[in-house]
Amino acid sequence: MTAVLCPICKRPAEPKFRPFCSKRCADVDLARWFTGAYAIPGAPVEEEEDVPPAQED
Protein backbone atom coordinates (compact mmCIF):
# COMPACT_ATOMS: atom_id res chain seq x y z
CA MET A 1 0.00 0.00 0.00
CA THR A 2 1.40 3.42 -0.90
CA ALA A 3 1.57 6.27 1.57
CA VAL A 4 -0.80 9.17 1.00
CA LEU A 5 1.06 12.45 0.65
CA CYS A 6 -0.27 15.82 1.69
CA PRO A 7 -1.39 17.71 -1.45
CA ILE A 8 -0.04 20.98 -0.02
CA CYS A 9 3.46 20.14 1.27
CA LYS A 10 3.96 16.51 0.10
CA ARG A 11 4.70 15.14 3.60
CA PRO A 12 3.00 11.90 4.69
CA ALA A 13 -0.63 12.44 5.62
CA GLU A 14 -1.76 12.11 9.23
CA PRO A 15 -4.93 10.06 9.82
CA LYS A 16 -6.46 12.87 11.91
CA PHE A 17 -6.11 15.39 9.02
CA ARG A 18 -6.25 13.05 6.05
CA PRO A 19 -5.49 13.76 3.21
CA PHE A 20 -3.39 16.53 4.81
CA CYS A 21 -0.46 16.25 7.20
CA SER A 22 -1.61 18.96 9.61
CA LYS A 23 -4.34 21.45 10.43
CA ARG A 24 -2.17 24.15 8.87
CA CYS A 25 -2.16 22.43 5.46
CA ALA A 26 -5.91 21.78 5.71
CA ASP A 27 -6.44 25.49 6.44
CA VAL A 28 -4.21 26.50 3.51
CA ASP A 29 -6.33 24.33 1.22
CA LEU A 30 -9.58 25.80 2.59
CA ALA A 31 -8.27 29.34 2.10
CA ARG A 32 -7.46 28.52 -1.52
CA TRP A 33 -11.08 27.44 -2.07
CA PHE A 34 -12.40 30.60 -0.39
CA THR A 35 -10.21 32.94 -2.47
CA GLY A 36 -11.02 31.23 -5.76
CA ALA A 37 -7.54 29.84 -6.34
CA TYR A 38 -9.22 26.53 -7.17
CA ALA A 39 -11.72 26.77 -9.98
CA ILE A 40 -13.30 24.38 -12.42
CA PRO A 41 -12.82 25.74 -15.94
CA GLY A 42 -15.92 26.34 -17.98
CA ALA A 43 -17.17 28.26 -20.93
CA PRO A 44 -16.73 32.04 -20.63
CA VAL A 45 -19.83 33.88 -19.51
CA GLU A 46 -20.69 37.09 -21.30
CA GLU A 47 -21.31 40.02 -18.99
CA GLU A 48 -24.64 41.77 -19.39
CA GLU A 49 -24.52 45.53 -19.64
CA ASP A 50 -26.34 47.52 -16.99
CA VAL A 51 -28.66 49.25 -19.41
CA PRO A 52 -32.11 50.07 -18.10
CA PRO A 53 -34.92 48.53 -20.16
CA ALA A 54 -36.66 50.80 -22.66
CA GLN A 55 -39.90 52.24 -21.33
CA GLU A 56 -42.99 51.60 -23.39
CA ASP A 57 -45.65 54.31 -23.56
PDB file of N, CA and C in Angstrom:
ATOM      1  N   MET A   1       0.837  -1.174   0.000  1.00  0.00           N
ATOM      2  CA  MET A   1       0.000   0.000   0.000  1.00  0.00           C
ATOM      3  C   MET A   1       0.890   1.247   0.000  1.00  0.00           C
ATOM      4  N   THR A   2       0.578   2.229  -0.824  1.00  0.00           N
ATOM      5  CA  THR A   2       1.401   3.423  -0.897  1.00  0.00           C
ATOM      6  C   THR A   2       0.936   4.459   0.123  1.00  0.00           C
ATOM      7  N   ALA A   3       1.877   5.226   0.594  1.00  0.00           N
ATOM      8  CA  ALA A   3       1.572   6.275   1.571  1.00  0.00           C
ATOM      9  C   ALA A   3       0.881   7.437   0.867  1.00  0.00           C
ATOM     10  N   VAL A   4      -0.109   7.999   1.529  1.00  0.00           N
ATOM     11  CA  VAL A   4      -0.801   9.172   0.998  1.00  0.00           C
ATOM     12  C   VAL A   4       0.020  10.398   1.381  1.00  0.00           C
ATOM     13  N   LEU A   5       0.297  11.239   0.393  1.00  0.00           N
ATOM     14  CA  LEU A   5       1.064  12.449   0.648  1.00  0.00           C
ATOM     15  C   LEU A   5       0.134  13.655   0.708  1.00  0.00           C
ATOM     16  N   CYS A   6       0.482  14.580   1.548  1.00  0.00           N
ATOM     17  CA  CYS A   6      -0.265  15.824   1.693  1.00  0.00           C
ATOM     18  C   CYS A   6      -0.219  16.574   0.361  1.00  0.00           C
ATOM     19  N   PRO A   7      -1.381  17.002  -0.162  1.00  0.00           N
ATOM     20  CA  PRO A   7      -1.389  17.708  -1.446  1.00  0.00           C
ATOM     21  C   PRO A   7      -0.787  19.111  -1.374  1.00  0.00           C
ATOM     22  N   ILE A   8      -0.596  19.637  -0.175  1.00  0.00           N
ATOM     23  CA  ILE A   8      -0.036  20.978  -0.016  1.00  0.00           C
ATOM     24  C   ILE A   8       1.482  20.935   0.094  1.00  0.00           C
ATOM     25  N   CYS A   9       2.011  20.121   1.022  1.00  0.00           N
ATOM     26  CA  CYS A   9       3.464  20.140   1.268  1.00  0.00           C
ATOM     27  C   CYS A   9       4.174  18.834   0.919  1.00  0.00           C
ATOM     28  N   LYS A  10       3.418  17.810   0.536  1.00  0.00           N
ATOM     29  CA  LYS A  10       3.961  16.508   0.100  1.00  0.00           C
ATOM     30  C   LYS A  10       4.544  15.666   1.227  1.00  0.00           C
ATOM     31  N   ARG A  11       4.304  16.007   2.482  1.00  0.00           N
ATOM     32  CA  ARG A  11       4.704  15.143   3.604  1.00  0.00           C
ATOM     33  C   ARG A  11       3.669  14.037   3.763  1.00  0.00           C
ATOM     34  N   PRO A  12       3.994  12.961   4.477  1.00  0.00           N
ATOM     35  CA  PRO A  12       3.001  11.897   4.693  1.00  0.00           C
ATOM     36  C   PRO A  12       1.776  12.435   5.435  1.00  0.00           C
ATOM     37  N   ALA A  13       0.616  11.989   5.005  1.00  0.00           N
ATOM     38  CA  ALA A  13      -0.634  12.441   5.618  1.00  0.00           C
ATOM     39  C   ALA A  13      -0.800  11.828   7.009  1.00  0.00           C
ATOM     40  N   GLU A  14      -1.424  12.581   7.898  1.00  0.00           N
ATOM     41  CA  GLU A  14      -1.762  12.107   9.230  1.00  0.00           C
ATOM     42  C   GLU A  14      -3.222  11.666   9.214  1.00  0.00           C
ATOM     43  N   PRO A  15      -3.538  10.532   9.835  1.00  0.00           N
ATOM     44  CA  PRO A  15      -4.925  10.063   9.816  1.00  0.00           C
ATOM     45  C   PRO A  15      -5.931  11.105  10.330  1.00  0.00           C
ATOM     46  N   LYS A  16      -5.553  11.876  11.330  1.00  0.00           N
ATOM     47  CA  LYS A  16      -6.458  12.874  11.908  1.00  0.00           C
ATOM     48  C   LYS A  16      -6.826  13.958  10.897  1.00  0.00           C
ATOM     49  N   PHE A  17      -5.909  14.290   9.973  1.00  0.00           N
ATOM     50  CA  PHE A  17      -6.111  15.390   9.022  1.00  0.00           C
ATOM     51  C   PHE A  17      -6.184  14.915   7.574  1.00  0.00           C
ATOM     52  N   ARG A  18      -6.284  13.627   7.378  1.00  0.00           N
ATOM     53  CA  ARG A  18      -6.247  13.048   6.046  1.00  0.00           C
ATOM     54  C   ARG A  18      -7.146  13.784   5.064  1.00  0.00           C
ATOM     55  N   PRO A  19      -6.715  14.153   3.910  1.00  0.00           N
ATOM     56  CA  PRO A  19      -5.492  13.764   3.214  1.00  0.00           C
ATOM     57  C   PRO A  19      -4.313  14.691   3.505  1.00  0.00           C
ATOM     58  N   PHE A  20      -4.445  15.573   4.493  1.00  0.00           N
ATOM     59  CA  PHE A  20      -3.387  16.526   4.812  1.00  0.00           C
ATOM     60  C   PHE A  20      -2.508  15.995   5.935  1.00  0.00           C
ATOM     61  N   CYS A  21      -1.377  16.668   6.150  1.00  0.00           N
ATOM     62  CA  CYS A  21      -0.459  16.246   7.203  1.00  0.00           C
ATOM     63  C   CYS A  21      -0.700  17.001   8.504  1.00  0.00           C
ATOM     64  N   SER A  22      -1.394  18.131   8.417  1.00  0.00           N
ATOM     65  CA  SER A  22      -1.611  18.956   9.610  1.00  0.00           C
ATOM     66  C   SER A  22      -2.811  19.864   9.414  1.00  0.00           C
ATOM     67  N   LYS A  23      -3.246  20.483  10.495  1.00  0.00           N
ATOM     68  CA  LYS A  23      -4.337  21.451  10.428  1.00  0.00           C
ATOM     69  C   LYS A  23      -3.926  22.638   9.573  1.00  0.00           C
ATOM     70  N   ARG A  24      -2.660  23.021   9.651  1.00  0.00           N
ATOM     71  CA  ARG A  24      -2.173  24.152   8.865  1.00  0.00           C
ATOM     72  C   ARG A  24      -2.385  23.910   7.369  1.00  0.00           C
ATOM     73  N   CYS A  25      -1.993  22.734   6.887  1.00  0.00           N
ATOM     74  CA  CYS A  25      -2.155  22.431   5.463  1.00  0.00           C
ATOM     75  C   CYS A  25      -3.635  22.343   5.089  1.00  0.00           C
ATOM     76  N   ALA A  26      -4.474  21.815   5.977  1.00  0.00           N
ATOM     77  CA  ALA A  26      -5.911  21.777   5.715  1.00  0.00           C
ATOM     78  C   ALA A  26      -6.457  23.199   5.610  1.00  0.00           C
ATOM     79  N   ASP A  27      -5.991  24.093   6.481  1.00  0.00           N
ATOM     80  CA  ASP A  27      -6.440  25.486   6.443  1.00  0.00           C
ATOM     81  C   ASP A  27      -5.947  26.210   5.190  1.00  0.00           C
ATOM     82  N   VAL A  28      -4.741  25.908   4.752  1.00  0.00           N
ATOM     83  CA  VAL A  28      -4.213  26.498   3.514  1.00  0.00           C
ATOM     84  C   VAL A  28      -5.099  26.088   2.342  1.00  0.00           C
ATOM     85  N   ASP A  29      -5.471  24.818   2.288  1.00  0.00           N
ATOM     86  CA  ASP A  29      -6.333  24.326   1.217  1.00  0.00           C
ATOM     87  C   ASP A  29      -7.698  25.008   1.269  1.00  0.00           C
ATOM     88  N   LEU A  30      -8.285  25.143   2.448  1.00  0.00           N
ATOM     89  CA  LEU A  30      -9.580  25.795   2.593  1.00  0.00           C
ATOM     90  C   LEU A  30      -9.514  27.256   2.151  1.00  0.00           C
ATOM     91  N   ALA A  31      -8.439  27.941   2.512  1.00  0.00           N
ATOM     92  CA  ALA A  31      -8.266  29.338   2.101  1.00  0.00           C
ATOM     93  C   ALA A  31      -8.171  29.455   0.581  1.00  0.00           C
ATOM     94  N   ARG A  32      -7.552  28.495  -0.061  1.00  0.00           N
ATOM     95  CA  ARG A  32      -7.457  28.520  -1.522  1.00  0.00           C
ATOM     96  C   ARG A  32      -8.842  28.382  -2.159  1.00  0.00           C
ATOM     97  N   TRP A  33      -9.709  27.563  -1.562  1.00  0.00           N
ATOM     98  CA  TRP A  33     -11.079  27.443  -2.071  1.00  0.00           C
ATOM     99  C   TRP A  33     -11.823  28.762  -1.880  1.00  0.00           C
ATOM    100  N   PHE A  34     -11.687  29.356  -0.694  1.00  0.00           N
ATOM    101  CA  PHE A  34     -12.402  30.602  -0.395  1.00  0.00           C
ATOM    102  C   PHE A  34     -11.979  31.755  -1.294  1.00  0.00           C
ATOM    103  N   THR A  35     -10.704  31.821  -1.647  1.00  0.00           N
ATOM    104  CA  THR A  35     -10.215  32.936  -2.465  1.00  0.00           C
ATOM    105  C   THR A  35     -10.363  32.698  -3.958  1.00  0.00           C
ATOM    106  N   GLY A  36     -10.826  31.516  -4.339  1.00  0.00           N
ATOM    107  CA  GLY A  36     -11.024  31.228  -5.755  1.00  0.00           C
ATOM    108  C   GLY A  36      -9.782  30.731  -6.463  1.00  0.00           C
ATOM    109  N   ALA A  37      -8.751  30.362  -5.710  1.00  0.00           N
ATOM    110  CA  ALA A  37      -7.540  29.843  -6.336  1.00  0.00           C
ATOM    111  C   ALA A  37      -7.822  28.521  -7.045  1.00  0.00           C
ATOM    112  N   TYR A  38      -8.782  27.756  -6.512  1.00  0.00           N
ATOM    113  CA  TYR A  38      -9.216  26.531  -7.173  1.00  0.00           C
ATOM    114  C   TYR A  38     -10.484  26.874  -7.939  1.00  0.00           C
ATOM    115  N   ALA A  39     -10.523  26.518  -9.186  1.00  0.00           N
ATOM    116  CA  ALA A  39     -11.718  26.772  -9.980  1.00  0.00           C
ATOM    117  C   ALA A  39     -11.836  25.691 -11.041  1.00  0.00           C
ATOM    118  N   ILE A  40     -13.048  25.347 -11.366  1.00  0.00           N
ATOM    119  CA  ILE A  40     -13.297  24.385 -12.423  1.00  0.00           C
ATOM    120  C   ILE A  40     -13.518  25.184 -13.701  1.00  0.00           C
ATOM    121  N   PRO A  41     -12.679  24.954 -14.710  1.00  0.00           N
ATOM    122  CA  PRO A  41     -12.819  25.740 -15.941  1.00  0.00           C
ATOM    123  C   PRO A  41     -14.147  25.456 -16.639  1.00  0.00           C
ATOM    124  N   GLY A  42     -14.671  26.470 -17.240  1.00  0.00           N
ATOM    125  CA  GLY A  42     -15.922  26.340 -17.978  1.00  0.00           C
ATOM    126  C   GLY A  42     -15.937  27.337 -19.113  1.00  0.00           C
ATOM    127  N   ALA A  43     -17.018  27.331 -19.819  1.00  0.00           N
ATOM    128  CA  ALA A  43     -17.172  28.264 -20.933  1.00  0.00           C
ATOM    129  C   ALA A  43     -17.254  29.688 -20.395  1.00  0.00           C
ATOM    130  N   PRO A  44     -16.655  30.655 -21.080  1.00  0.00           N
ATOM    131  CA  PRO A  44     -16.726  32.041 -20.629  1.00  0.00           C
ATOM    132  C   PRO A  44     -18.171  32.522 -20.623  1.00  0.00           C
ATOM    133  N   VAL A  45     -18.488  33.320 -19.632  1.00  0.00           N
ATOM    134  CA  VAL A  45     -19.830  33.880 -19.509  1.00  0.00           C
ATOM    135  C   VAL A  45     -19.774  35.336 -19.938  1.00  0.00           C
ATOM    136  N   GLU A  46     -20.666  35.705 -20.847  1.00  0.00           N
ATOM    137  CA  GLU A  46     -20.689  37.094 -21.301  1.00  0.00           C
ATOM    138  C   GLU A  46     -21.369  37.957 -20.247  1.00  0.00           C
ATOM    139  N   GLU A  47     -20.760  39.078 -19.958  1.00  0.00           N
ATOM    140  CA  GLU A  47     -21.314  40.018 -18.992  1.00  0.00           C
ATOM    141  C   GLU A  47     -22.458  40.788 -19.626  1.00  0.00           C
ATOM    142  N   GLU A  48     -23.541  40.955 -18.899  1.00  0.00           N
ATOM    143  CA  GLU A  48     -24.637  41.767 -19.390  1.00  0.00           C
ATOM    144  C   GLU A  48     -24.373  43.212 -19.018  1.00  0.00           C
ATOM    145  N   GLU A  49     -24.700  44.107 -19.921  1.00  0.00           N
ATOM    146  CA  GLU A  49     -24.516  45.527 -19.642  1.00  0.00           C
ATOM    147  C   GLU A  49     -25.639  46.003 -18.732  1.00  0.00           C
ATOM    148  N   ASP A  50     -25.333  46.955 -17.878  1.00  0.00           N
ATOM    149  CA  ASP A  50     -26.336  47.523 -16.988  1.00  0.00           C
ATOM    150  C   ASP A  50     -27.072  48.656 -17.695  1.00  0.00           C
ATOM    151  N   VAL A  51     -27.886  48.282 -18.656  1.00  0.00           N
ATOM    152  CA  VAL A  51     -28.660  49.251 -19.410  1.00  0.00           C
ATOM    153  C   VAL A  51     -30.117  49.113 -18.971  1.00  0.00           C
ATOM    154  N   PRO A  52     -30.721  50.186 -18.518  1.00  0.00           N
ATOM    155  CA  PRO A  52     -32.111  50.073 -18.101  1.00  0.00           C
ATOM    156  C   PRO A  52     -33.004  49.710 -19.286  1.00  0.00           C
ATOM    157  N   PRO A  53     -34.037  48.904 -19.054  1.00  0.00           N
ATOM    158  CA  PRO A  53     -34.916  48.526 -20.160  1.00  0.00           C
ATOM    159  C   PRO A  53     -35.651  49.744 -20.716  1.00  0.00           C
ATOM    160  N   ALA A  54     -35.955  49.699 -22.002  1.00  0.00           N
ATOM    161  CA  ALA A  54     -36.660  50.801 -22.659  1.00  0.00           C
ATOM    162  C   ALA A  54     -38.091  50.866 -22.113  1.00  0.00           C
ATOM    163  N   GLN A  55     -38.533  52.061 -21.831  1.00  0.00           N
ATOM    164  CA  GLN A  55     -39.897  52.240 -21.327  1.00  0.00           C
ATOM    165  C   GLN A  55     -40.866  52.297 -22.495  1.00  0.00           C
ATOM    166  N   GLU A  56     -41.960  51.583 -22.353  1.00  0.00           N
ATOM    167  CA  GLU A  56     -42.991  51.595 -23.394  1.00  0.00           C
ATOM    168  C   GLU A  56     -44.097  52.538 -22.961  1.00  0.00           C
ATOM    169  N   ASP A  57     -44.575  53.382 -23.882  1.00  0.00           N
ATOM    170  CA  ASP A  57     -45.651  54.307 -23.557  1.00  0.00           C
ATOM    171  C   ASP A  57     -46.985  53.787 -24.017  1.00  0.00           C
TER     172      ASP A  57
END
